[in-house]
Amino acid sequence: MANGINANLVRRWVKEAEVGAEIEPGAAASEAKRVAPTTPAPKFFPLPIPTPASPVAADIRIELQRGATSVTVTWPASAASECAAWMRELLR
């Protein structure tokens, strides 16, 4: 706007540059000829996803604090449903 160019015109130029279209110099906007992009289309290359050698046994860690007293409970993630049942009973 400070240079006297409309923001919509600038956006159109950016959009045309992104798709690889060019406007011939000296041609009116209504008579613009589009030129095909010169870059080849991107190709898909499948890559193998590495698998971990051994599954990592994660733990559930619960920290409870009441006043100056603090309790930390570590529970195996493989027994998550039992941990949930224990928490329900604890919070009753």
PDB file of N, CA and C in Angstrom:
ATOM      1  N   MET A   1       0.831  -1.180   0.000  1.00  0.00           N
ATOM      2  CA  MET A   1       0.000   0.000   0.000  1.00  0.00           C
ATOM      3  C   MET A   1       0.883   1.254   0.000  1.00  0.00           C
ATOM      4  N   ALA A   2       2.003   1.229   0.729  1.00  0.00           N
ATOM      5  CA  ALA A   2       2.880   2.389   0.798  1.00  0.00           C
ATOM      6  C   ALA A   2       3.523   2.678  -0.555  1.00  0.00           C
ATOM      7  N   ASN A   3       3.651   1.670  -1.403  1.00  0.00           N
ATOM      8  CA  ASN A   3       4.255   1.846  -2.723  1.00  0.00           C
ATOM      9  C   ASN A   3       3.215   2.025  -3.824  1.00  0.00           C
ATOM     10  N   GLY A   4       1.951   2.148  -3.442  1.00  0.00           N
ATOM     11  CA  GLY A   4       0.893   2.374  -4.413  1.00  0.00           C
ATOM     12  C   GLY A   4       0.437   1.116  -5.132  1.00  0.00           C
ATOM     13  N   ILE A   5       0.720  -0.062  -4.555  1.00  0.00           N
ATOM     14  CA  ILE A   5       0.292  -1.322  -5.176  1.00  0.00           C
ATOM     15  C   ILE A   5      -0.809  -1.922  -4.313  1.00  0.00           C
ATOM     16  N   ASN A   6      -1.881  -2.320  -4.949  1.00  0.00           N
ATOM     17  CA  ASN A   6      -3.024  -2.899  -4.259  1.00  0.00           C
ATOM     18  C   ASN A   6      -2.639  -4.264  -3.679  1.00  0.00           C
ATOM     19  N   ALA A   7      -3.075  -4.547  -2.452  1.00  0.00           N
ATOM     20  CA  ALA A   7      -2.754  -5.809  -1.776  1.00  0.00           C
ATOM     21  C   ALA A   7      -3.315  -7.006  -2.541  1.00  0.00           C
ATOM     22  N   ASN A   8      -4.475  -6.858  -3.176  1.00  0.00           N
ATOM     23  CA  ASN A   8      -5.057  -7.954  -3.950  1.00  0.00           C
ATOM     24  C   ASN A   8      -4.179  -8.313  -5.149  1.00  0.00           C
ATOM     25  N   LEU A   9      -3.582  -7.310  -5.787  1.00  0.00           N
ATOM     26  CA  LEU A   9      -2.699  -7.546  -6.918  1.00  0.00           C
ATOM     27  C   LEU A   9      -1.440  -8.289  -6.468  1.00  0.00           C
ATOM     28  N   VAL A  10      -0.881  -7.881  -5.345  1.00  0.00           N
ATOM     29  CA  VAL A  10       0.306  -8.549  -4.817  1.00  0.00           C
ATOM     30  C   VAL A  10      -0.024  -9.998  -4.487  1.00  0.00           C
ATOM     31  N   ARG A  11      -1.170 -10.237  -3.881  1.00  0.00           N
ATOM     32  CA  ARG A  11      -1.583 -11.610  -3.536  1.00  0.00           C
ATOM     33  C   ARG A  11      -1.724 -12.458  -4.797  1.00  0.00           C
ATOM     34  N   ARG A  12      -2.274 -11.864  -5.868  1.00  0.00           N
ATOM     35  CA  ARG A  12      -2.413 -12.584  -7.130  1.00  0.00           C
ATOM     36  C   ARG A  12      -1.047 -12.957  -7.689  1.00  0.00           C
ATOM     37  N   TRP A  13      -0.084 -12.045  -7.609  1.00  0.00           N
ATOM     38  CA  TRP A  13       1.263 -12.333  -8.082  1.00  0.00           C
ATOM     39  C   TRP A  13       1.884 -13.475  -7.287  1.00  0.00           C
ATOM     40  N   VAL A  14       1.695 -13.463  -5.976  1.00  0.00           N
ATOM     41  CA  VAL A  14       2.238 -14.528  -5.122  1.00  0.00           C
ATOM     42  C   VAL A  14       1.600 -15.864  -5.495  1.00  0.00           C
ATOM     43  N   LYS A  15       0.277 -15.867  -5.667  1.00  0.00           N
ATOM     44  CA  LYS A  15      -0.437 -17.098  -6.007  1.00  0.00           C
ATOM     45  C   LYS A  15       0.047 -17.647  -7.346  1.00  0.00           C
ATOM     46  N   GLU A  16       0.216 -16.776  -8.331  1.00  0.00           N
ATOM     47  CA  GLU A  16       0.688 -17.210  -9.643  1.00  0.00           C
ATOM     48  C   GLU A  16       2.124 -17.728  -9.574  1.00  0.00           C
ATOM     49  N   ALA A  17       2.940 -17.116  -8.748  1.00  0.00           N
ATOM     50  CA  ALA A  17       4.321 -17.577  -8.604  1.00  0.00           C
ATOM     51  C   ALA A  17       4.365 -18.946  -7.934  1.00  0.00           C
ATOM     52  N   GLU A  18       3.445 -19.185  -7.005  1.00  0.00           N
ATOM     53  CA  GLU A  18       3.416 -20.465  -6.314  1.00  0.00           C
ATOM     54  C   GLU A  18       3.038 -21.611  -7.243  1.00  0.00           C
ATOM     55  N   VAL A  19       2.156 -21.378  -8.194  1.00  0.00           N
ATOM     56  CA  VAL A  19       1.741 -22.436  -9.118  1.00  0.00           C
ATOM     57  C   VAL A  19       2.606 -22.481 -10.359  1.00  0.00           C
ATOM     58  N   GLY A  20       3.570 -21.595 -10.445  1.00  0.00           N
ATOM     59  CA  GLY A  20       4.506 -21.619 -11.562  1.00  0.00           C
ATOM     60  C   GLY A  20       4.008 -20.906 -12.797  1.00  0.00           C
ATOM     61  N   ALA A  21       2.952 -20.117 -12.685  1.00  0.00           N
ATOM     62  CA  ALA A  21       2.425 -19.390 -13.833  1.00  0.00           C
ATOM     63  C   ALA A  21       3.151 -18.064 -13.969  1.00  0.00           C
ATOM     64  N   GLU A  22       3.308 -17.612 -15.197  1.00  0.00           N
ATOM     65  CA  GLU A  22       3.946 -16.325 -15.451  1.00  0.00           C
ATOM     66  C   GLU A  22       3.065 -15.522 -16.399  1.00  0.00           C
ATOM     67  N   ILE A  23       3.094 -14.222 -16.259  1.00  0.00           N
ATOM     68  CA  ILE A  23       2.373 -13.340 -17.164  1.00  0.00           C
ATOM     69  C   ILE A  23       3.399 -12.701 -18.080  1.00  0.00           C
ATOM     70  N   GLU A  24       3.119 -12.724 -19.388  1.00  0.00           N
ATOM     71  CA  GLU A  24       4.044 -12.116 -20.342  1.00  0.00           C
ATOM     72  C   GLU A  24       4.144 -10.620 -20.098  1.00  0.00           C
ATOM     73  N   PRO A  25       5.353 -10.065 -20.116  1.00  0.00           N
ATOM     74  CA  PRO A  25       5.495  -8.621 -19.955  1.00  0.00           C
ATOM     75  C   PRO A  25       4.792  -7.893 -21.089  1.00  0.00           C
ATOM     76  N   GLY A  26       4.090  -6.814 -20.766  1.00  0.00           N
ATOM     77  CA  GLY A  26       3.414  -5.999 -21.771  1.00  0.00           C
ATOM     78  C   GLY A  26       2.030  -6.492 -22.126  1.00  0.00           C
ATOM     79  N   ALA A  27       1.641  -7.681 -21.713  1.00  0.00           N
ATOM     80  CA  ALA A  27       0.311  -8.190 -22.026  1.00  0.00           C
ATOM     81  C   ALA A  27      -0.677  -7.644 -21.013  1.00  0.00           C
ATOM     82  N   ALA A  28      -1.874  -7.375 -21.454  1.00  0.00           N
ATOM     83  CA  ALA A  28      -2.925  -6.905 -20.554  1.00  0.00           C
ATOM     84  C   ALA A  28      -3.307  -8.042 -19.620  1.00  0.00           C
ATOM     85  N   ALA A  29      -3.811  -7.698 -18.459  1.00  0.00           N
ATOM     86  CA  ALA A  29      -4.152  -8.718 -17.469  1.00  0.00           C
ATOM     87  C   ALA A  29      -5.192  -9.688 -18.016  1.00  0.00           C
ATOM     88  N   SER A  30      -6.134  -9.204 -18.833  1.00  0.00           N
ATOM     89  CA  SER A  30      -7.157 -10.084 -19.372  1.00  0.00           C
ATOM     90  C   SER A  30      -6.605 -10.983 -20.472  1.00  0.00           C
ATOM     91  N   GLU A  31      -5.459 -10.620 -21.074  1.00  0.00           N
ATOM     92  CA  GLU A  31      -4.865 -11.397 -22.152  1.00  0.00           C
ATOM     93  C   GLU A  31      -3.644 -12.185 -21.680  1.00  0.00           C
ATOM     94  N   ALA A  32      -3.521 -12.386 -20.403  1.00  0.00           N
ATOM     95  CA  ALA A  32      -2.337 -13.056 -19.847  1.00  0.00           C
ATOM     96  C   ALA A  32      -2.267 -14.490 -20.339  1.00  0.00           C
ATOM     97  N   LYS A  33      -1.071 -14.900 -20.762  1.00  0.00           N
ATOM     98  CA  LYS A  33      -0.839 -16.278 -21.176  1.00  0.00           C
ATOM     99  C   LYS A  33      -0.147 -17.007 -20.034  1.00  0.00           C
ATOM    100  N   ARG A  34      -0.641 -18.148 -19.720  1.00  0.00           N
ATOM    101  CA  ARG A  34      -0.044 -18.944 -18.666  1.00  0.00           C
ATOM    102  C   ARG A  34       0.988 -19.876 -19.279  1.00  0.00           C
ATOM    103  N   VAL A  35       2.121 -19.976 -18.629  1.00  0.00           N
ATOM    104  CA  VAL A  35       3.188 -20.854 -19.064  1.00  0.00           C
ATOM    105  C   VAL A  35       3.247 -22.025 -18.103  1.00  0.00           C
ATOM    106  N   ALA A  36       3.386 -23.226 -18.618  1.00  0.00           N
ATOM    107  CA  ALA A  36       3.436 -24.429 -17.775  1.00  0.00           C
ATOM    108  C   ALA A  36       4.664 -24.390 -16.881  1.00  0.00           C
ATOM    109  N   PRO A  37       4.551 -24.875 -15.668  1.00  0.00           N
ATOM    110  CA  PRO A  37       5.714 -24.894 -14.777  1.00  0.00           C
ATOM    111  C   PRO A  37       6.824 -25.766 -15.356  1.00  0.00           C
ATOM    112  N   THR A  38       8.056 -25.354 -15.103  1.00  0.00           N
ATOM    113  CA  THR A  38       9.192 -26.089 -15.645  1.00  0.00           C
ATOM    114  C   THR A  38       9.727 -27.132 -14.679  1.00  0.00           C
ATOM    115  N   THR A  39       9.287 -27.112 -13.445  1.00  0.00           N
ATOM    116  CA  THR A  39       9.769 -28.089 -12.468  1.00  0.00           C
ATOM    117  C   THR A  39       8.939 -29.356 -12.557  1.00  0.00           C
ATOM    118  N   PRO A  40       9.565 -30.517 -12.438  1.00  0.00           N
ATOM    119  CA  PRO A  40       8.809 -31.772 -12.500  1.00  0.00           C
ATOM    120  C   PRO A  40       7.937 -31.928 -11.262  1.00  0.00           C
ATOM    121  N   ALA A  41       6.888 -32.708 -11.430  1.00  0.00           N
ATOM    122  CA  ALA A  41       5.974 -32.963 -10.313  1.00  0.00           C
ATOM    123  C   ALA A  41       6.694 -33.781  -9.245  1.00  0.00           C
ATOM    124  N   PRO A  42       6.417 -33.529  -7.968  1.00  0.00           N
ATOM    125  CA  PRO A  42       7.060 -34.308  -6.910  1.00  0.00           C
ATOM    126  C   PRO A  42       6.604 -35.764  -6.975  1.00  0.00           C
ATOM    127  N   LYS A  43       7.492 -36.659  -6.587  1.00  0.00           N
ATOM    128  CA  LYS A  43       7.198 -38.083  -6.608  1.00  0.00           C
ATOM    129  C   LYS A  43       7.189 -38.626  -5.190  1.00  0.00           C
ATOM    130  N   PHE A  44       6.483 -39.719  -5.009  1.00  0.00           N
ATOM    131  CA  PHE A  44       6.390 -40.361  -3.703  1.00  0.00           C
ATOM    132  C   PHE A  44       7.464 -41.434  -3.598  1.00  0.00           C
ATOM    133  N   PHE A  45       8.244 -41.375  -2.532  1.00  0.00           N
ATOM    134  CA  PHE A  45       9.267 -42.376  -2.271  1.00  0.00           C
ATOM    135  C   PHE A  45       8.972 -43.018  -0.924  1.00  0.00           C
ATOM    136  N   PRO A  46       8.510 -44.270  -0.909  1.00  0.00           N
ATOM    137  CA  PRO A  46       8.230 -44.913   0.375  1.00  0.00           C
ATOM    138  C   PRO A  46       9.531 -45.187   1.127  1.00  0.00           C
ATOM    139  N   LEU A  47       9.517 -44.925   2.406  1.00  0.00           N
ATOM    140  CA  LEU A  47      10.671 -45.167   3.262  1.00  0.00           C
ATOM    141  C   LEU A  47      10.286 -46.158   4.347  1.00  0.00           C
ATOM    142  N   PRO A  48      11.161 -47.092   4.661  1.00  0.00           N
ATOM    143  CA  PRO A  48      10.847 -48.040   5.737  1.00  0.00           C
ATOM    144  C   PRO A  48      10.868 -47.333   7.089  1.00  0.00           C
ATOM    145  N   ILE A  49       9.940 -47.701   7.937  1.00  0.00           N
ATOM    146  CA  ILE A  49       9.878 -47.139   9.286  1.00  0.00           C
ATOM    147  C   ILE A  49      10.599 -48.105  10.216  1.00  0.00           C
ATOM    148  N   PRO A  50      11.635 -47.634  10.901  1.00  0.00           N
ATOM    149  CA  PRO A  50      12.356 -48.539  11.793  1.00  0.00           C
ATOM    150  C   PRO A  50      11.490 -48.944  12.977  1.00  0.00           C
ATOM    151  N   THR A  51      11.569 -50.191  13.334  1.00  0.00           N
ATOM    152  CA  THR A  51      10.828 -50.684  14.491  1.00  0.00           C
ATOM    153  C   THR A  51      11.791 -50.833  15.655  1.00  0.00           C
ATOM    154  N   PRO A  52      11.344 -50.552  16.857  1.00  0.00           N
ATOM    155  CA  PRO A  52      12.244 -50.693  18.004  1.00  0.00           C
ATOM    156  C   PRO A  52      12.626 -52.157  18.211  1.00  0.00           C
ATOM    157  N   ALA A  53      13.852 -52.361  18.672  1.00  0.00           N
ATOM    158  CA  ALA A  53      14.358 -53.714  18.900  1.00  0.00           C
ATOM    159  C   ALA A  53      13.536 -54.430  19.964  1.00  0.00           C
ATOM    160  N   SER A  54      13.210 -53.722  21.023  1.00  0.00           N
ATOM    161  CA  SER A  54      12.379 -54.305  22.070  1.00  0.00           C
ATOM    162  C   SER A  54      11.431 -53.233  22.583  1.00  0.00           C
ATOM    163  N   PRO A  55      10.195 -53.626  22.871  1.00  0.00           N
ATOM    164  CA  PRO A  55       9.248 -52.626  23.363  1.00  0.00           C
ATOM    165  C   PRO A  55       9.693 -52.083  24.721  1.00  0.00           C
ATOM    166  N   VAL A  56       9.557 -50.787  24.871  1.00  0.00           N
ATOM    167  CA  VAL A  56       9.944 -50.131  26.116  1.00  0.00           C
ATOM    168  C   VAL A  56       8.764 -50.197  27.073  1.00  0.00           C
ATOM    169  N   ALA A  57       8.993 -50.737  28.239  1.00  0.00           N
ATOM    170  CA  ALA A  57       7.942 -50.843  29.243  1.00  0.00           C
ATOM    171  C   ALA A  57       7.833 -49.507  29.979  1.00  0.00           C
ATOM    172  N   ALA A  58       6.815 -48.755  29.635  1.00  0.00           N
ATOM    173  CA  ALA A  58       6.598 -47.465  30.283  1.00  0.00           C
ATOM    174  C   ALA A  58       5.863 -47.679  31.600  1.00  0.00           C
ATOM    175  N   ASP A  59       6.068 -46.768  32.495  1.00  0.00           N
ATOM    176  CA  ASP A  59       5.401 -46.837  33.790  1.00  0.00           C
ATOM    177  C   ASP A  59       4.461 -45.654  33.941  1.00  0.00           C
ATOM    178  N   ILE A  60       3.425 -45.857  34.736  1.00  0.00           N
ATOM    179  CA  ILE A  60       2.510 -44.785  35.123  1.00  0.00           C
ATOM    180  C   ILE A  60       3.043 -44.225  36.423  1.00  0.00           C
ATOM    181  N   ARG A  61       3.236 -42.928  36.469  1.00  0.00           N
ATOM    182  CA  ARG A  61       3.763 -42.294  37.685  1.00  0.00           C
ATOM    183  C   ARG A  61       2.732 -41.306  38.207  1.00  0.00           C
ATOM    184  N   ILE A  62       2.347 -41.494  39.449  1.00  0.00           N
ATOM    185  CA  ILE A  62       1.343 -40.654  40.087  1.00  0.00           C
ATOM    186  C   ILE A  62       1.981 -40.011  41.312  1.00  0.00           C
ATOM    187  N   GLU A  63       1.890 -38.702  41.374  1.00  0.00           N
ATOM    188  CA  GLU A  63       2.416 -37.960  42.527  1.00  0.00           C
ATOM    189  C   GLU A  63       1.253 -37.303  43.257  1.00  0.00           C
ATOM    190  N   LEU A  64       1.135 -37.620  44.534  1.00  0.00           N
ATOM    191  CA  LEU A  64       0.085 -37.060  45.378  1.00  0.00           C
ATOM    192  C   LEU A  64       0.730 -36.199  46.448  1.00  0.00           C
ATOM    193  N   GLN A  65       0.116 -35.049  46.703  1.00  0.00           N
ATOM    194  CA  GLN A  65       0.668 -34.164  47.728  1.00  0.00           C
ATOM    195  C   GLN A  65      -0.482 -33.560  48.527  1.00  0.00           C
ATOM    196  N   ARG A  66      -0.339 -33.644  49.842  1.00  0.00           N
ATOM    197  CA  ARG A  66      -1.300 -33.022  50.746  1.00  0.00           C
ATOM    198  C   ARG A  66      -0.501 -32.365  51.850  1.00  0.00           C
ATOM    199  N   GLY A  67      -0.500 -31.046  51.846  1.00  0.00           N
ATOM    200  CA  GLY A  67       0.289 -30.312  52.819  1.00  0.00           C
ATOM    201  C   GLY A  67       1.763 -30.597  52.619  1.00  0.00           C
ATOM    202  N   ALA A  68       2.440 -30.994  53.685  1.00  0.00           N
ATOM    203  CA  ALA A  68       3.866 -31.286  53.619  1.00  0.00           C
ATOM    204  C   ALA A  68       4.139 -32.738  53.234  1.00  0.00           C
ATOM    205  N   THR A  69       3.071 -33.558  53.157  1.00  0.00           N
ATOM    206  CA  THR A  69       3.240 -34.968  52.846  1.00  0.00           C
ATOM    207  C   THR A  69       3.150 -35.185  51.335  1.00  0.00           C
ATOM    208  N   SER A  70       4.090 -35.953  50.791  1.00  0.00           N
ATOM    209  CA  SER A  70       4.123 -36.240  49.361  1.00  0.00           C
ATOM    210  C   SER A  70       4.299 -37.734  49.160  1.00  0.00           C
ATOM    211  N   VAL A  71       3.508 -38.330  48.258  1.00  0.00           N
ATOM    212  CA  VAL A  71       3.578 -39.760  47.953  1.00  0.00           C
ATOM    213  C   VAL A  71       3.700 -39.908  46.438  1.00  0.00           C
ATOM    214  N   THR A  72       4.638 -40.754  46.004  1.00  0.00           N
ATOM    215  CA  THR A  72       4.802 -41.055  44.583  1.00  0.00           C
ATOM    216  C   THR A  72       4.561 -42.537  44.369  1.00  0.00           C
ATOM    217  N   VAL A  73       3.651 -42.849  43.435  1.00  0.00           N
ATOM    218  CA  VAL A  73       3.322 -44.235  43.117  1.00  0.00           C
ATOM    219  C   VAL A  73       3.739 -44.494  41.678  1.00  0.00           C
ATOM    220  N   THR A  74       4.479 -45.567  41.457  1.00  0.00           N
ATOM    221  CA  THR A  74       4.864 -45.984  40.108  1.00  0.00           C
ATOM    222  C   THR A  74       4.160 -47.298  39.810  1.00  0.00           C
ATOM    223  N   TRP A  75       3.434 -47.337  38.684  1.00  0.00           N
ATOM    224  CA  TRP A  75       2.615 -48.483  38.346  1.00  0.00           C
ATOM    225  C   TRP A  75       2.995 -48.933  36.938  1.00  0.00           C
ATOM    226  N   PRO A  76       3.090 -50.233  36.669  1.00  0.00           N
ATOM    227  CA  PRO A  76       3.425 -50.675  35.310  1.00  0.00           C
ATOM    228  C   PRO A  76       2.306 -50.318  34.323  1.00  0.00           C
ATOM    229  N   ALA A  77       2.683 -49.829  33.155  1.00  0.00           N
ATOM    230  CA  ALA A  77       1.696 -49.408  32.158  1.00  0.00           C
ATOM    231  C   ALA A  77       0.883 -50.596  31.652  1.00  0.00           C
ATOM    232  N   SER A  78       1.435 -51.784  31.726  1.00  0.00           N
ATOM    233  CA  SER A  78       0.699 -52.971  31.275  1.00  0.00           C
ATOM    234  C   SER A  78      -0.515 -53.255  32.152  1.00  0.00           C
ATOM    235  N   ALA A  79      -0.557 -52.682  33.356  1.00  0.00           N
ATOM    236  CA  ALA A  79      -1.676 -52.881  34.277  1.00  0.00           C
ATOM    237  C   ALA A  79      -2.423 -51.565  34.477  1.00  0.00           C
ATOM    238  N   ALA A  80      -2.660 -50.836  33.392  1.00  0.00           N
ATOM    239  CA  ALA A  80      -3.296 -49.523  33.479  1.00  0.00           C
ATOM    240  C   ALA A  80      -4.722 -49.611  34.024  1.00  0.00           C
ATOM    241  N   SER A  81      -5.474 -50.641  33.659  1.00  0.00           N
ATOM    242  CA  SER A  81      -6.858 -50.751  34.147  1.00  0.00           C
ATOM    243  C   SER A  81      -6.885 -50.972  35.657  1.00  0.00           C
ATOM    244  N   GLU A  82      -5.927 -51.749  36.179  1.00  0.00           N
ATOM    245  CA  GLU A  82      -5.858 -51.944  37.628  1.00  0.00           C
ATOM    246  C   GLU A  82      -5.481 -50.637  38.329  1.00  0.00           C
ATOM    247  N   CYS A  83      -4.623 -49.851  37.703  1.00  0.00           N
ATOM    248  CA  CYS A  83      -4.237 -48.557  38.259  1.00  0.00           C
ATOM    249  C   CYS A  83      -5.448 -47.631  38.318  1.00  0.00           C
ATOM    250  N   ALA A  84      -6.270 -47.644  37.268  1.00  0.00           N
ATOM    251  CA  ALA A  84      -7.477 -46.811  37.242  1.00  0.00           C
ATOM    252  C   ALA A  84      -8.441 -47.232  38.345  1.00  0.00           C
ATOM    253  N   ALA A  85      -8.612 -48.541  38.548  1.00  0.00           N
ATOM    254  CA  ALA A  85      -9.497 -49.032  39.614  1.00  0.00           C
ATOM    255  C   ALA A  85      -8.975 -48.598  40.978  1.00  0.00           C
ATOM    256  N   TRP A  86      -7.677 -48.683  41.169  1.00  0.00           N
ATOM    257  CA  TRP A  86      -7.064 -48.264  42.434  1.00  0.00           C
ATOM    258  C   TRP A  86      -7.288 -46.779  42.677  1.00  0.00           C
ATOM    259  N   MET A  87      -7.113 -45.971  41.625  1.00  0.00           N
ATOM    260  CA  MET A  87      -7.331 -44.515  41.756  1.00  0.00           C
ATOM    261  C   MET A  87      -8.778 -44.199  42.112  1.00  0.00           C
ATOM    262  N   ARG A  88      -9.748 -44.931  41.475  1.00  0.00           N
ATOM    263  CA  ARG A  88     -11.163 -44.692  41.793  1.00  0.00           C
ATOM    264  C   ARG A  88     -11.434 -44.967  43.254  1.00  0.00           C
ATOM    265  N   GLU A  89     -10.886 -46.072  43.769  1.00  0.00           N
ATOM    266  CA  GLU A  89     -11.081 -46.412  45.184  1.00  0.00           C
ATOM    267  C   GLU A  89     -10.401 -45.389  46.090  1.00  0.00           C
ATOM    268  N   LEU A  90      -9.241 -44.933  45.700  1.00  0.00           N
ATOM    269  CA  LEU A  90      -8.504 -43.971  46.515  1.00  0.00           C
ATOM    270  C   LEU A  90      -9.232 -42.629  46.602  1.00  0.00           C
ATOM    271  N   LEU A  91      -9.844 -42.214  45.532  1.00  0.00           N
ATOM    272  CA  LEU A  91     -10.494 -40.906  45.469  1.00  0.00           C
ATOM    273  C   LEU A  91     -11.937 -40.902  45.964  1.00  0.00           C
ATOM    274  N   ARG A  92     -12.449 -42.034  46.430  1.00  0.00           N
ATOM    275  CA  ARG A  92     -13.817 -42.064  46.977  1.00  0.00           C
ATOM    276  C   ARG A  92     -13.909 -41.356  48.273  1.00  0.00           C
TER     277      ARG A  92
END
